[in-house]
Amino acid sequence: MTTAATSAARLLERLPRPLDPVRSIKVKLGILLVASGAAGLGYFWAMIGWLPPTTSLTGIIGALITSQVLAHGMTRPLREMTAAVRSMARGDYSRRVRVTARDEVGELGRAFNQMSADLEAADRHRRELIANVSHELRTPIAALQAVLENVVDGVSEADPATMRTALAQTERLGRLVTELLDLSRIDAGAHPLDLESVEVAPLLAEVVAEAEVNAAAARRSVRLSTSVSPGSATVLADRERLHQVLVNLLDNAVRHGPADGEVRVVAALSGGELTLEVRDDGPGIAAAERDLVFRRFTRGERATGGGTGLGLSIARWVVELHGGTIGVVDSPRGCRIRVTLPADGKAPGIS
């Protein structure tokens, strides 16, 4: 904007607003019409000397009535928006404004309807989040309470097996709290990436070792194997976040795969892109559910074993932060989840 335009805009802001005390736009339009008509008649009277008073008054009254009739349709969306806003203040986000005009009021009405829809969706997601979190917290707390009550009442001894059960529920609560913290970072738009050159083979070995410990604690006899090509492959990534993604994928594969099955982690570096695949021998994921499993608190029909339904949503967030993609791909058996990352870390949003 030029200096002259800026000065003109400031001048317009300083102009008086004599009609601000009037509470109706229809009345304002009537006053505007009468005032402009009177100014025009005054000019004619001054220049010509005389105009028929009856004809002039009749013209002004006719114009005023016409303006009020036409203004009714112009101001109705504004009245509807006022009523809808009052409903929103009471928690009702379902009301919409009927919009047919193509002028500024019509654009305002369409923007208002979009805002209403967004607020309704946000309110629905908030309610679903509260309900889902309450459900996820209640299950491990109830199980932990039952274990501790049995120990206190003498029904069961505080032996290692009992304590392992209590520890498992405590760890589940810890995982849920960690995932909820990550969820808050997603909603806040935080992008905490600490990029470094990560050797893929040692990372997979570390992740598999952790998954084996978790499988043993859950009494799941699953074989885990890794394959890295080439063996010296590296990727520029946040090691902790990438570790989190792989642990989550392996944990899902172990829990959903069959007993004595095998979980394979395959990594391949090609064309400046790292591909990671986690494969299991489980029942797989139906094509209709492949996008749904990455939504919050969604576990799919095959889910068992107490997952929170947040892990895959957070995994997708981490992968997208790295400029990569994650998804379920076709597999002749079991489930195959593929993660693709730019090996050099030079992706949109990463500096």
Protein backbone atom coordinates (compact mmCIF):
# COMPACT_ATOMS: atom_id res chain seq x y z
CA MET A 1 0.00 0.00 0.00
CA THR A 2 1.37 3.43 -0.99
CA THR A 3 1.82 6.34 1.40
CA ALA A 4 -1.11 8.21 -0.20
CA ALA A 5 -3.38 5.20 0.14
CA THR A 6 -2.33 4.73 3.75
CA SER A 7 -3.05 8.38 4.51
CA ALA A 8 -6.45 8.12 2.82
CA ALA A 9 -7.29 5.01 4.85
CA ARG A 10 -6.34 6.79 8.08
CA LEU A 11 -8.44 9.80 7.07
CA LEU A 12 -11.44 7.57 6.46
CA GLU A 13 -10.97 6.01 9.90
CA ARG A 14 -11.18 9.49 11.47
CA LEU A 15 -14.42 10.43 9.71
CA PRO A 16 -17.42 10.75 12.05
CA ARG A 17 -20.01 7.97 12.26
CA PRO A 18 -23.27 9.75 13.01
CA LEU A 19 -25.43 6.68 12.42
CA ASP A 20 -23.65 4.44 14.95
CA PRO A 21 -26.32 5.02 17.69
CA VAL A 22 -29.03 3.67 15.34
CA ARG A 23 -29.57 -0.02 16.12
CA SER A 24 -31.18 -1.14 12.83
CA ILE A 25 -29.50 -1.30 9.43
CA LYS A 26 -32.91 -0.91 7.80
CA VAL A 27 -33.43 2.37 9.63
CA LYS A 28 -29.93 3.45 8.70
CA LEU A 29 -30.65 2.77 5.03
CA GLY A 30 -33.87 4.77 5.33
CA ILE A 31 -32.07 7.68 6.95
CA LEU A 32 -29.38 7.49 4.27
CA LEU A 33 -31.97 7.56 1.51
CA VAL A 34 -33.94 10.43 3.02
CA ALA A 35 -30.82 12.43 3.75
CA SER A 36 -29.40 11.96 0.26
CA GLY A 37 -32.79 12.71 -1.32
CA ALA A 38 -33.22 15.81 0.79
CA ALA A 39 -29.72 16.95 -0.15
CA GLY A 40 -30.54 16.48 -3.83
CA LEU A 41 -33.84 18.36 -3.52
CA GLY A 42 -32.11 21.12 -1.62
CA TYR A 43 -29.64 21.50 -4.45
CA PHE A 44 -32.44 21.69 -7.00
CA TRP A 45 -34.35 24.18 -4.88
CA ALA A 46 -31.21 26.30 -4.58
CA MET A 47 -30.40 26.16 -8.29
CA ILE A 48 -33.88 26.11 -9.87
CA GLY A 49 -35.73 27.96 -7.19
CA TRP A 50 -38.80 25.81 -6.80
CA LEU A 51 -40.03 22.18 -6.94
CA PRO A 52 -43.56 20.90 -6.22
CA PRO A 53 -43.52 20.09 -2.46
CA THR A 54 -46.16 17.36 -2.74
CA THR A 55 -44.33 15.63 -5.56
CA SER A 56 -41.01 15.85 -3.72
CA LEU A 57 -42.46 14.51 -0.46
CA THR A 58 -44.27 11.69 -2.26
CA GLY A 59 -41.06 10.69 -4.03
CA ILE A 60 -39.12 10.62 -0.78
CA ILE A 61 -41.80 8.54 0.98
CA GLY A 62 -41.98 6.10 -1.93
CA ALA A 63 -38.22 5.71 -1.98
CA LEU A 64 -38.19 5.18 1.78
CA ILE A 65 -40.84 2.43 1.60
CA THR A 66 -39.04 0.74 -1.30
CA SER A 67 -35.73 0.83 0.60
CA GLN A 68 -37.31 -0.82 3.65
CA VAL A 69 -38.84 -3.62 1.57
CA LEU A 70 -35.56 -4.30 -0.20
CA ALA A 71 -33.51 -3.92 2.97
CA HIS A 72 -35.50 -6.70 4.65
CA GLY A 73 -33.86 -9.33 2.45
CA MET A 74 -30.47 -7.66 2.76
CA THR A 75 -30.46 -7.65 6.56
CA ARG A 76 -32.16 -10.99 7.21
CA PRO A 77 -28.84 -12.97 7.07
CA LEU A 78 -27.43 -10.59 9.67
CA ARG A 79 -30.40 -11.22 11.98
CA GLU A 80 -30.00 -14.96 11.46
CA MET A 81 -26.30 -14.70 12.30
CA THR A 82 -27.14 -12.82 15.48
CA ALA A 83 -29.57 -15.56 16.53
CA ALA A 84 -27.03 -18.27 15.62
CA VAL A 85 -24.30 -16.56 17.67
CA ARG A 86 -26.62 -16.48 20.68
CA SER A 87 -27.26 -20.20 20.19
CA MET A 88 -23.48 -20.81 20.05
CA ALA A 89 -23.12 -19.03 23.37
CA ARG A 90 -25.45 -21.70 24.78
CA GLY A 91 -23.42 -24.51 23.18
CA ASP A 92 -25.55 -25.14 20.08
CA TYR A 93 -23.34 -25.08 16.97
CA SER A 94 -25.84 -26.65 14.58
CA ARG A 95 -27.55 -23.50 13.31
CA ARG A 96 -26.69 -22.22 9.83
CA VAL A 97 -27.54 -19.07 7.89
CA ARG A 98 -29.52 -19.20 4.63
CA VAL A 99 -27.30 -17.48 2.07
CA THR A 100 -28.45 -16.56 -1.46
CA ALA A 101 -26.82 -13.16 -2.00
CA ARG A 102 -23.52 -12.75 -3.82
CA ASP A 103 -22.52 -9.47 -2.17
CA GLU A 104 -20.42 -8.83 0.95
CA VAL A 105 -23.26 -9.93 3.25
CA GLY A 106 -23.49 -13.21 1.32
CA GLU A 107 -19.72 -13.75 1.67
CA LEU A 108 -20.02 -13.03 5.38
CA GLY A 109 -22.85 -15.55 5.65
CA ARG A 110 -20.86 -18.26 3.87
CA ALA A 111 -17.83 -17.58 6.06
CA PHE A 112 -20.09 -17.71 9.11
CA ASN A 113 -21.50 -21.09 8.07
CA GLN A 114 -17.99 -22.46 7.59
CA MET A 115 -16.97 -21.17 10.99
CA SER A 116 -20.06 -22.76 12.55
CA ALA A 117 -19.26 -26.10 10.94
CA ASP A 118 -15.64 -25.91 12.16
CA LEU A 119 -16.75 -25.04 15.69
CA GLU A 120 -19.29 -27.87 15.67
CA ALA A 121 -16.60 -30.34 14.54
CA ALA A 122 -14.14 -29.04 17.16
CA ASP A 123 -16.76 -29.36 19.90
CA ARG A 124 -17.61 -32.89 18.76
CA HIS A 125 -13.92 -33.88 18.74
CA ARG A 126 -13.47 -32.39 22.21
CA ARG A 127 -16.38 -34.42 23.56
CA GLU A 128 -15.09 -37.57 21.87
CA LEU A 129 -11.60 -36.95 23.24
CA ILE A 130 -12.89 -36.59 26.81
CA ALA A 131 -15.01 -39.72 26.48
CA ASN A 132 -12.21 -41.77 24.92
CA VAL A 133 -9.56 -40.62 27.39
CA SER A 134 -11.91 -41.38 30.29
CA HIS A 135 -12.49 -44.86 28.90
CA GLU A 136 -8.78 -45.52 28.28
CA LEU A 137 -7.84 -44.36 31.79
CA ARG A 138 -10.64 -46.26 33.50
CA THR A 139 -9.57 -49.69 32.22
CA PRO A 140 -5.97 -49.82 33.59
CA ILE A 141 -6.97 -47.98 36.77
CA ALA A 142 -9.73 -50.51 37.46
CA ALA A 143 -7.36 -53.42 36.78
CA LEU A 144 -4.65 -51.93 39.01
CA GLN A 145 -7.17 -51.25 41.74
CA ALA A 146 -8.42 -54.84 41.60
CA VAL A 147 -4.86 -56.21 41.92
CA LEU A 148 -4.04 -53.97 44.87
CA GLU A 149 -7.35 -54.72 46.61
CA ASN A 150 -6.68 -58.45 46.33
CA VAL A 151 -3.25 -57.96 47.88
CA VAL A 152 -4.60 -55.75 50.70
CA ASP A 153 -7.50 -58.13 51.44
CA GLY A 154 -5.21 -61.13 51.46
CA VAL A 155 -6.90 -62.75 48.49
CA SER A 156 -3.58 -62.92 46.66
CA GLU A 157 0.04 -62.60 47.73
CA ALA A 158 2.33 -59.77 46.68
CA ASP A 159 4.42 -62.23 44.70
CA PRO A 160 6.39 -61.34 41.55
CA ALA A 161 3.57 -62.47 39.24
CA THR A 162 1.04 -60.21 40.97
CA MET A 163 3.45 -57.30 40.97
CA ARG A 164 4.17 -57.84 37.28
CA THR A 165 0.44 -57.49 36.59
CA ALA A 166 0.32 -54.26 38.58
CA LEU A 167 3.45 -53.03 36.82
CA ALA A 168 1.97 -53.78 33.40
CA GLN A 169 -1.10 -51.65 34.18
CA THR A 170 1.10 -48.85 35.51
CA GLU A 171 3.19 -48.95 32.34
CA ARG A 172 0.02 -48.80 30.28
CA LEU A 173 -1.02 -45.67 32.16
CA GLY A 174 2.42 -44.21 31.55
CA ARG A 175 2.19 -44.89 27.81
CA LEU A 176 -1.23 -43.27 27.66
CA VAL A 177 -0.01 -40.15 29.46
CA THR A 178 3.01 -39.92 27.12
CA GLU A 179 0.77 -40.28 24.08
CA LEU A 180 -1.62 -37.62 25.39
CA LEU A 181 1.32 -35.25 25.83
CA ASP A 182 2.34 -35.92 22.23
CA LEU A 183 -1.27 -35.32 21.23
CA SER A 184 -1.20 -31.91 22.91
CA ARG A 185 1.96 -31.07 20.93
CA ILE A 186 0.18 -32.04 17.71
CA ASP A 187 -2.76 -29.76 18.51
CA ALA A 188 -0.39 -26.95 19.53
CA GLY A 189 1.46 -27.26 16.20
CA ALA A 190 4.78 -27.90 17.95
CA HIS A 191 7.51 -29.41 15.76
CA PRO A 192 10.26 -30.49 18.16
CA LEU A 193 12.70 -32.21 15.80
CA ASP A 194 16.36 -32.71 16.73
CA LEU A 195 17.86 -33.88 13.44
CA GLU A 196 21.02 -35.97 13.30
CA SER A 197 22.56 -38.63 11.11
CA VAL A 198 21.12 -41.94 12.34
CA GLU A 199 22.56 -45.34 11.45
CA VAL A 200 19.59 -47.50 10.56
CA ALA A 201 20.96 -50.96 11.53
CA PRO A 202 21.88 -50.08 15.15
CA LEU A 203 18.56 -48.26 15.57
CA LEU A 204 16.59 -51.30 14.41
CA ALA A 205 18.63 -53.58 16.67
CA GLU A 206 17.83 -51.35 19.63
CA VAL A 207 14.14 -51.22 18.76
CA VAL A 208 13.92 -55.00 18.29
CA ALA A 209 15.64 -55.62 21.63
CA GLU A 210 13.09 -53.38 23.35
CA ALA A 211 10.23 -55.08 21.53
CA GLU A 212 11.51 -58.51 22.63
CA VAL A 213 11.49 -57.39 26.26
CA ASN A 214 7.94 -56.05 25.90
CA ALA A 215 6.81 -59.25 24.18
CA ALA A 216 8.29 -61.35 26.96
CA ALA A 217 6.55 -59.23 29.59
CA ALA A 218 3.27 -59.68 27.73
CA ARG A 219 4.01 -63.42 27.38
CA ARG A 220 3.97 -63.26 23.59
CA SER A 221 6.27 -65.77 21.90
CA VAL A 222 7.04 -63.91 18.69
CA ARG A 223 10.20 -64.01 16.59
CA LEU A 224 11.59 -60.68 15.45
CA SER A 225 14.04 -60.18 12.61
CA THR A 226 15.60 -57.25 10.77
CA SER A 227 17.03 -56.63 7.33
CA VAL A 228 18.89 -53.47 6.29
CA SER A 229 20.07 -52.76 2.74
CA PRO A 230 22.74 -51.55 2.54
CA GLY A 231 24.05 -52.37 6.00
CA SER A 232 25.63 -48.92 6.36
CA ALA A 233 22.43 -47.01 5.55
CA THR A 234 21.88 -43.73 7.41
CA VAL A 235 19.04 -41.21 7.55
CA LEU A 236 18.89 -37.62 8.75
CA ALA A 237 16.15 -37.73 11.37
CA ASP A 238 15.20 -37.21 14.99
CA ARG A 239 16.47 -40.44 16.51
CA GLU A 240 14.16 -40.39 19.52
CA ARG A 241 11.06 -39.71 17.43
CA LEU A 242 11.97 -42.33 14.83
CA HIS A 243 12.61 -44.81 17.64
CA GLN A 244 9.12 -43.99 18.98
CA VAL A 245 7.52 -44.73 15.60
CA LEU A 246 9.28 -48.08 15.18
CA VAL A 247 8.56 -49.21 18.74
CA ASN A 248 4.90 -48.45 18.23
CA LEU A 249 4.73 -50.33 14.93
CA LEU A 250 6.54 -53.34 16.39
CA ASP A 251 4.34 -53.32 19.48
CA ASN A 252 1.22 -53.37 17.27
CA ALA A 253 2.66 -56.17 15.14
CA VAL A 254 3.55 -58.27 18.20
CA ARG A 255 0.14 -57.80 19.82
CA HIS A 256 -1.89 -58.48 16.69
CA GLY A 257 0.24 -61.27 15.23
CA PRO A 258 -0.35 -64.94 16.03
CA ALA A 259 1.48 -66.79 18.79
CA ASP A 260 4.83 -68.16 17.59
CA GLY A 261 4.55 -65.90 14.54
CA GLU A 262 7.24 -63.69 13.09
CA VAL A 263 7.58 -59.93 12.84
CA ARG A 264 10.01 -58.62 10.23
CA VAL A 265 11.49 -55.14 9.95
CA VAL A 266 12.88 -54.40 6.49
CA ALA A 267 14.81 -51.22 5.69
CA ALA A 268 16.11 -50.20 2.26
CA LEU A 269 17.89 -47.04 1.16
CA SER A 270 17.46 -46.17 -2.51
CA GLY A 271 17.40 -42.97 -4.55
CA GLY A 272 17.82 -40.71 -1.52
CA GLU A 273 14.81 -42.27 0.18
CA LEU A 274 14.63 -44.66 3.14
CA THR A 275 11.84 -47.23 3.17
CA LEU A 276 10.96 -49.00 6.41
CA GLU A 277 8.45 -51.84 6.50
CA VAL A 278 7.06 -53.72 9.50
CA ARG A 279 5.46 -57.02 8.49
CA ASP A 280 3.54 -59.50 10.62
CA ASP A 281 1.64 -62.75 10.10
CA GLY A 282 -1.59 -61.54 11.66
CA PRO A 283 -5.06 -61.19 10.09
CA GLY A 284 -4.11 -57.92 8.38
CA ILE A 285 -6.16 -54.76 8.05
CA ALA A 286 -9.17 -54.54 5.75
CA ALA A 287 -8.82 -52.05 2.89
CA ALA A 288 -11.72 -49.99 4.25
CA GLU A 289 -9.92 -49.54 7.58
CA ARG A 290 -6.43 -48.68 6.35
CA ASP A 291 -6.95 -44.96 6.65
CA LEU A 292 -9.07 -45.20 9.79
CA VAL A 293 -6.38 -46.88 11.90
CA PHE A 294 -4.29 -43.70 11.75
CA ARG A 295 -7.06 -41.65 13.35
CA ARG A 296 -7.11 -40.92 17.04
CA PHE A 297 -8.52 -43.64 19.30
CA THR A 298 -9.19 -45.90 16.32
CA ARG A 299 -7.87 -49.44 16.55
CA GLY A 300 -9.68 -51.35 13.84
CA GLU A 301 -11.67 -54.55 14.16
CA ARG A 302 -8.60 -56.71 14.72
CA ALA A 303 -7.39 -54.68 17.72
CA THR A 304 -6.97 -56.56 20.98
CA GLY A 305 -4.68 -56.36 23.94
CA GLY A 306 -5.31 -52.90 25.34
CA GLY A 307 -3.89 -50.47 22.82
CA THR A 308 -4.82 -46.83 23.29
CA GLY A 309 -5.65 -46.05 19.68
CA LEU A 310 -3.24 -43.09 19.72
CA GLY A 311 0.04 -44.73 18.70
CA LEU A 312 -0.51 -44.84 14.94
CA SER A 313 -1.92 -41.30 14.92
CA ILE A 314 1.23 -40.06 16.65
CA ALA A 315 3.41 -42.18 14.34
CA ARG A 316 1.85 -40.50 11.31
CA TRP A 317 2.45 -37.10 12.89
CA VAL A 318 6.14 -37.88 13.46
CA VAL A 319 6.62 -39.28 9.96
CA GLU A 320 4.93 -36.27 8.36
CA LEU A 321 7.13 -33.97 10.45
CA HIS A 322 10.09 -35.61 8.72
CA GLY A 323 8.48 -35.00 5.34
CA GLY A 324 7.67 -38.69 4.86
CA THR A 325 4.62 -40.88 4.45
CA ILE A 326 3.17 -43.84 6.32
CA GLY A 327 0.45 -46.24 5.31
CA VAL A 328 -0.77 -49.81 5.10
CA VAL A 329 0.20 -51.49 1.83
CA ASP A 330 -1.04 -54.66 0.18
CA SER A 331 0.50 -57.87 1.44
CA PRO A 332 -0.03 -61.52 0.45
CA ARG A 333 -0.38 -62.34 4.14
CA GLY A 334 -0.57 -60.49 7.43
CA CYS A 335 -0.15 -56.73 7.70
CA ARG A 336 2.53 -54.57 6.14
CA ILE A 337 2.99 -50.94 7.23
CA ARG A 338 5.41 -48.89 5.15
CA VAL A 339 7.22 -45.73 6.25
CA THR A 340 9.03 -43.64 3.65
CA LEU A 341 11.46 -40.91 4.71
CA PRO A 342 13.77 -38.57 2.77
CA ALA A 343 17.25 -39.81 3.68
CA ASP A 344 18.78 -36.32 3.65
CA GLY A 345 16.06 -34.78 5.77
CA LYS A 346 15.54 -32.01 3.20
CA ALA A 347 11.78 -31.94 3.22
CA PRO A 348 9.24 -29.14 3.54
CA GLY A 349 9.07 -27.83 7.11
CA ILE A 350 12.50 -29.22 8.11
CA SER A 351 15.39 -26.85 8.47
